[in-house]
Structures are given as C-alpha cells and as structure tokens.
Amino acid sequence: FKPLNDKYGHVVGDMLLLEAANRLKNCVRETDTVARFGGDEFVVLVGELMAERADAETQSKRIAEKIRSSLAQAYSLTFARENDADTTVEHYCTASIGIALFIQHEASQDDILKWADKAMYQAKAAGRNQIKFYDERDDRGYLPLRS
C-alpha cells in the first residue's frame, strides 16, 4: 500500500483498501466477519468450522488460500486527477496471513488476535505471500509455526 499511497496519494490507497475489503468479503460467507484492523491489516473471523481440530485446520487453510489468491490478483484503480482525464493504475500486492484456531471459546479475544498476529509475522518472515498457523508450542520454544 505504501508505494501506491506515495505515488498517487491516499485517495488511491483508500480505493485499494476498499477493493481488498470487497475481495475478502467475497471469499467468506455472509455469517463470517471481515474487519479492517488498522492500516493495511484486516481480520477475518470465520465461525462454525468443523469440530475436529485437524478438519478445522484443513477448512481454514482452504479459506486462507482463497483469500491469498484473491488479494494477489491485479487491482485496476481508476481515479480523477485535478484538471486531467481519468487515470487507471494497475497494482499488485500480496498478503501474509496468520491463522489462529480456537475451539470451544478456549481463549480470550485478545489472545486470539495476538496469536494470529504472531502467525502473520511468521508468514512475513518466511518470505511474504504465505499462510502460517499459530502453534502454542512455538511460544514455549518447541517448534516453528507450521505452514
């Protein structure tokens, strides 16, 4: 987002944020929640996953991949410049996605967001445009987050 904002201004950056939000909403069900967390970060809360943790991981990985793929497609942003004709900019960006699963309300909202944030930073550290799951064993130093 920063290069787009720097080159074309915040109005165009806001257009990109709106398009990204629409793509996110199109990747999940109406009953799920998409919210802008701040800056260029979004939170997606997906409810009613499969009861078994392994099945929920598979299901959430599939949704995250759909999101990652959708956000990676070209953005065509058309805007008006002062005293000039409309300008269309094609922009590409990628997403680093962190997933935190919680079963039976086993964690607080703050913990869940913290876990997803840790996993997202692991995805960024792994080269960006990645999906990583939070693993509580990582907090105890046992193993890195899994893909």
C-alpha atoms as a PDB file:
ATOM      1  CA  PHE A   1       0.000   0.000   0.000  1.00  0.00           C
ATOM      2  CA  LYS A   2       2.770   2.446   0.828  1.00  0.00           C
ATOM      3  CA  PRO A   3       4.227   2.726  -2.703  1.00  0.00           C
ATOM      4  CA  LEU A   4       0.723   3.310  -4.103  1.00  0.00           C
ATOM      5  CA  ASN A   5      -0.023   5.968  -1.475  1.00  0.00           C
ATOM      6  CA  ASP A   6       3.327   7.651  -2.043  1.00  0.00           C
ATOM      7  CA  LYS A   7       2.962   7.785  -5.816  1.00  0.00           C
ATOM      8  CA  TYR A   8      -0.765   8.529  -6.249  1.00  0.00           C
ATOM      9  CA  GLY A   9      -1.981   9.755  -2.866  1.00  0.00           C
ATOM     10  CA  HIS A  10      -4.161   8.445  -0.093  1.00  0.00           C
ATOM     11  CA  VAL A  11      -7.355   8.603  -2.139  1.00  0.00           C
ATOM     12  CA  VAL A  12      -5.997   5.880  -4.416  1.00  0.00           C
ATOM     13  CA  GLY A  13      -4.678   3.951  -1.400  1.00  0.00           C
ATOM     14  CA  ASP A  14      -8.168   4.094   0.074  1.00  0.00           C
ATOM     15  CA  MET A  15      -9.576   2.737  -3.196  1.00  0.00           C
ATOM     16  CA  LEU A  16      -7.185  -0.212  -2.869  1.00  0.00           C
ATOM     17  CA  LEU A  17      -8.276  -0.814   0.734  1.00  0.00           C
ATOM     18  CA  LEU A  18     -11.933  -0.824  -0.314  1.00  0.00           C
ATOM     19  CA  GLU A  19     -11.258  -3.261  -3.154  1.00  0.00           C
ATOM     20  CA  ALA A  20      -9.250  -5.530  -0.833  1.00  0.00           C
ATOM     21  CA  ALA A  21     -12.119  -5.470   1.698  1.00  0.00           C
ATOM     22  CA  ASN A  22     -14.610  -6.411  -1.031  1.00  0.00           C
ATOM     23  CA  ARG A  23     -12.407  -9.283  -2.158  1.00  0.00           C
ATOM     24  CA  LEU A  24     -12.143 -10.517   1.421  1.00  0.00           C
ATOM     25  CA  LYS A  25     -15.926 -10.397   1.851  1.00  0.00           C
ATOM     26  CA  ASN A  26     -16.339 -12.369  -1.379  1.00  0.00           C
ATOM     27  CA  CYS A  27     -14.085 -15.129  -0.030  1.00  0.00           C
ATOM     28  CA  VAL A  28     -16.166 -15.860   3.062  1.00  0.00           C
ATOM     29  CA  ARG A  29     -19.795 -16.465   3.947  1.00  0.00           C
ATOM     30  CA  GLU A  30     -22.236 -13.729   4.968  1.00  0.00           C
ATOM     31  CA  THR A  31     -22.147 -15.065   8.518  1.00  0.00           C
ATOM     32  CA  ASP A  32     -18.374 -14.560   8.773  1.00  0.00           C
ATOM     33  CA  THR A  33     -16.821 -11.237   9.745  1.00  0.00           C
ATOM     34  CA  VAL A  34     -14.332  -9.085   7.821  1.00  0.00           C
ATOM     35  CA  ALA A  35     -12.954  -6.008   9.565  1.00  0.00           C
ATOM     36  CA  ARG A  36     -10.128  -3.582   8.944  1.00  0.00           C
ATOM     37  CA  PHE A  37      -7.840  -3.822  11.950  1.00  0.00           C
ATOM     38  CA  GLY A  38      -5.730  -0.800  11.090  1.00  0.00           C
ATOM     39  CA  GLY A  39      -3.550   0.471   8.273  1.00  0.00           C
ATOM     40  CA  ASP A  40      -3.454  -2.305   5.722  1.00  0.00           C
ATOM     41  CA  GLU A  41      -4.333  -5.110   8.157  1.00  0.00           C
ATOM     42  CA  PHE A  42      -7.634  -6.947   8.143  1.00  0.00           C
ATOM     43  CA  VAL A  43      -9.128  -9.557  10.452  1.00  0.00           C
ATOM     44  CA  VAL A  44     -11.373 -12.319   9.143  1.00  0.00           C
ATOM     45  CA  LEU A  45     -13.377 -14.247  11.708  1.00  0.00           C
ATOM     46  CA  VAL A  46     -14.756 -17.499  10.354  1.00  0.00           C
ATOM     47  CA  GLY A  47     -17.244 -19.305  12.541  1.00  0.00           C
ATOM     48  CA  GLU A  48     -18.700 -22.758  12.540  1.00  0.00           C
ATOM     49  CA  LEU A  49     -15.657 -24.635  11.327  1.00  0.00           C
ATOM     50  CA  MET A  50     -15.526 -28.410  11.639  1.00  0.00           C
ATOM     51  CA  ALA A  51     -15.459 -29.653  15.249  1.00  0.00           C
ATOM     52  CA  GLU A  52     -12.259 -31.686  14.937  1.00  0.00           C
ATOM     53  CA  ARG A  53      -9.129 -29.520  15.044  1.00  0.00           C
ATOM     54  CA  ALA A  54      -7.473 -31.243  12.047  1.00  0.00           C
ATOM     55  CA  ASP A  55     -10.605 -30.736   9.957  1.00  0.00           C
ATOM     56  CA  ALA A  56     -10.847 -27.096  11.076  1.00  0.00           C
ATOM     57  CA  GLU A  57      -7.207 -26.578  10.060  1.00  0.00           C
ATOM     58  CA  THR A  58      -7.882 -28.005   6.601  1.00  0.00           C
ATOM     59  CA  GLN A  59     -11.009 -25.899   6.201  1.00  0.00           C
ATOM     60  CA  SER A  60      -9.344 -22.673   7.394  1.00  0.00           C
ATOM     61  CA  LYS A  61      -6.284 -23.303   5.200  1.00  0.00           C
ATOM     62  CA  ARG A  62      -8.584 -23.616   2.174  1.00  0.00           C
ATOM     63  CA  ILE A  63     -10.319 -20.324   3.035  1.00  0.00           C
ATOM     64  CA  ALA A  64      -6.975 -18.571   3.655  1.00  0.00           C
ATOM     65  CA  GLU A  65      -5.640 -19.790   0.306  1.00  0.00           C
ATOM     66  CA  LYS A  66      -8.763 -18.471  -1.420  1.00  0.00           C
ATOM     67  CA  ILE A  67      -8.152 -15.105   0.275  1.00  0.00           C
ATOM     68  CA  ARG A  68      -4.428 -15.081  -0.545  1.00  0.00           C
ATOM     69  CA  SER A  69      -5.107 -15.876  -4.180  1.00  0.00           C
ATOM     70  CA  SER A  70      -7.881 -13.287  -4.498  1.00  0.00           C
ATOM     71  CA  LEU A  71      -5.797 -10.500  -2.971  1.00  0.00           C
ATOM     72  CA  ALA A  72      -2.872 -11.319  -5.294  1.00  0.00           C
ATOM     73  CA  GLN A  73      -4.912 -10.626  -8.454  1.00  0.00           C
ATOM     74  CA  ALA A  74      -4.347  -7.304 -10.236  1.00  0.00           C
ATOM     75  CA  TYR A  75      -6.203  -4.261  -8.941  1.00  0.00           C
ATOM     76  CA  SER A  76      -7.435  -1.830 -11.585  1.00  0.00           C
ATOM     77  CA  LEU A  77      -7.928   1.520  -9.867  1.00  0.00           C
ATOM     78  CA  THR A  78      -9.437   4.427 -11.797  1.00  0.00           C
ATOM     79  CA  PHE A  79      -9.309   7.921 -10.362  1.00  0.00           C
ATOM     80  CA  ALA A  80      -9.542  11.522 -11.496  1.00  0.00           C
ATOM     81  CA  ARG A  81      -6.524  13.788 -11.328  1.00  0.00           C
ATOM     82  CA  GLU A  82      -7.026  17.507 -10.927  1.00  0.00           C
ATOM     83  CA  ASN A  83      -7.537  19.159 -14.344  1.00  0.00           C
ATOM     84  CA  ASP A  84      -6.806  15.868 -16.085  1.00  0.00           C
ATOM     85  CA  ALA A  85      -8.597  12.885 -17.566  1.00  0.00           C
ATOM     86  CA  ASP A  86      -9.308   9.792 -15.501  1.00  0.00           C
ATOM     87  CA  THR A  87      -6.233   7.684 -14.811  1.00  0.00           C
ATOM     88  CA  THR A  88      -6.242   3.920 -14.371  1.00  0.00           C
ATOM     89  CA  VAL A  89      -3.483   2.261 -12.394  1.00  0.00           C
ATOM     90  CA  GLU A  90      -2.879  -1.473 -12.315  1.00  0.00           C
ATOM     91  CA  HIS A  91      -1.492  -2.513  -8.943  1.00  0.00           C
ATOM     92  CA  TYR A  92      -0.421  -5.845  -7.454  1.00  0.00           C
ATOM     93  CA  CYS A  93       0.028  -6.697  -3.815  1.00  0.00           C
ATOM     94  CA  THR A  94       0.274  -9.838  -1.755  1.00  0.00           C
ATOM     95  CA  ALA A  95      -0.931 -10.901   1.682  1.00  0.00           C
ATOM     96  CA  SER A  96       0.804 -12.534   4.603  1.00  0.00           C
ATOM     97  CA  ILE A  97      -1.847 -14.478   6.502  1.00  0.00           C
ATOM     98  CA  GLY A  98      -1.719 -15.690  10.086  1.00  0.00           C
ATOM     99  CA  ILE A  99      -4.318 -18.168  11.313  1.00  0.00           C
ATOM    100  CA  ALA A 100      -5.271 -18.750  14.941  1.00  0.00           C
ATOM    101  CA  LEU A 101      -7.738 -21.536  15.635  1.00  0.00           C
ATOM    102  CA  PHE A 102      -9.740 -21.642  18.823  1.00  0.00           C
ATOM    103  CA  ILE A 103     -12.123 -24.383  19.806  1.00  0.00           C
ATOM    104  CA  GLN A 104     -14.947 -24.071  22.358  1.00  0.00           C
ATOM    105  CA  HIS A 105     -14.040 -20.463  23.267  1.00  0.00           C
ATOM    106  CA  GLU A 106     -10.776 -21.649  24.828  1.00  0.00           C
ATOM    107  CA  ALA A 107      -9.108 -18.233  24.556  1.00  0.00           C
ATOM    108  CA  SER A 108      -9.808 -14.551  25.009  1.00  0.00           C
ATOM    109  CA  GLN A 109     -10.323 -12.210  22.054  1.00  0.00           C
ATOM    110  CA  ASP A 110      -7.008 -10.534  22.858  1.00  0.00           C
ATOM    111  CA  ASP A 111      -5.183 -13.875  22.845  1.00  0.00           C
ATOM    112  CA  ILE A 112      -6.696 -14.889  19.516  1.00  0.00           C
ATOM    113  CA  LEU A 113      -5.674 -11.607  17.867  1.00  0.00           C
ATOM    114  CA  LYS A 114      -2.186 -11.877  19.397  1.00  0.00           C
ATOM    115  CA  TRP A 115      -1.813 -15.426  18.084  1.00  0.00           C
ATOM    116  CA  ALA A 116      -2.978 -14.511  14.580  1.00  0.00           C
ATOM    117  CA  ASP A 117      -0.588 -11.543  14.603  1.00  0.00           C
ATOM    118  CA  LYS A 118       2.347 -13.774  15.596  1.00  0.00           C
ATOM    119  CA  ALA A 119       1.493 -16.203  12.812  1.00  0.00           C
ATOM    120  CA  MET A 120       1.199 -13.327  10.302  1.00  0.00           C
ATOM    121  CA  TYR A 121       4.677 -12.085  11.224  1.00  0.00           C
ATOM    122  CA  GLN A 122       5.969 -15.635  10.770  1.00  0.00           C
ATOM    123  CA  ALA A 123       4.420 -15.608   7.278  1.00  0.00           C
ATOM    124  CA  LYS A 124       6.167 -12.305   6.526  1.00  0.00           C
ATOM    125  CA  ALA A 125       9.469 -13.645   7.839  1.00  0.00           C
ATOM    126  CA  ALA A 126       9.078 -16.745   5.649  1.00  0.00           C
ATOM    127  CA  GLY A 127       9.078 -14.584   2.517  1.00  0.00           C
ATOM    128  CA  ARG A 128       5.650 -12.926   2.470  1.00  0.00           C
ATOM    129  CA  ASN A 129       2.614 -14.054   0.468  1.00  0.00           C
ATOM    130  CA  GLN A 130       2.415 -17.039   2.823  1.00  0.00           C
ATOM    131  CA  ILE A 131      -0.085 -18.618   5.190  1.00  0.00           C
ATOM    132  CA  LYS A 132       1.015 -19.676   8.673  1.00  0.00           C
ATOM    133  CA  PHE A 133      -0.853 -21.221  11.589  1.00  0.00           C
ATOM    134  CA  TYR A 134      -0.228 -20.165  15.158  1.00  0.00           C
ATOM    135  CA  ASP A 135       1.066 -23.046  17.246  1.00  0.00           C
ATOM    136  CA  GLU A 136       1.018 -22.550  21.009  1.00  0.00           C
ATOM    137  CA  ARG A 137       4.098 -24.773  21.309  1.00  0.00           C
ATOM    138  CA  ASP A 138       6.035 -22.049  19.490  1.00  0.00           C
ATOM    139  CA  ASP A 139       5.564 -19.742  22.487  1.00  0.00           C
ATOM    140  CA  ARG A 140       7.357 -22.309  24.600  1.00  0.00           C
ATOM    141  CA  GLY A 141      10.203 -22.612  22.098  1.00  0.00           C
ATOM    142  CA  TYR A 142       9.468 -26.149  20.897  1.00  0.00           C
ATOM    143  CA  LEU A 143       8.998 -25.637  17.170  1.00  0.00           C
ATOM    144  CA  PRO A 144       8.422 -23.042  14.458  1.00  0.00           C
ATOM    145  CA  LEU A 145       4.933 -22.307  13.191  1.00  0.00           C
ATOM    146  CA  ARG A 146       3.786 -24.762  10.578  1.00  0.00           C
ATOM    147  CA  SER A 147       2.694 -23.870   7.057  1.00  0.00           C
END
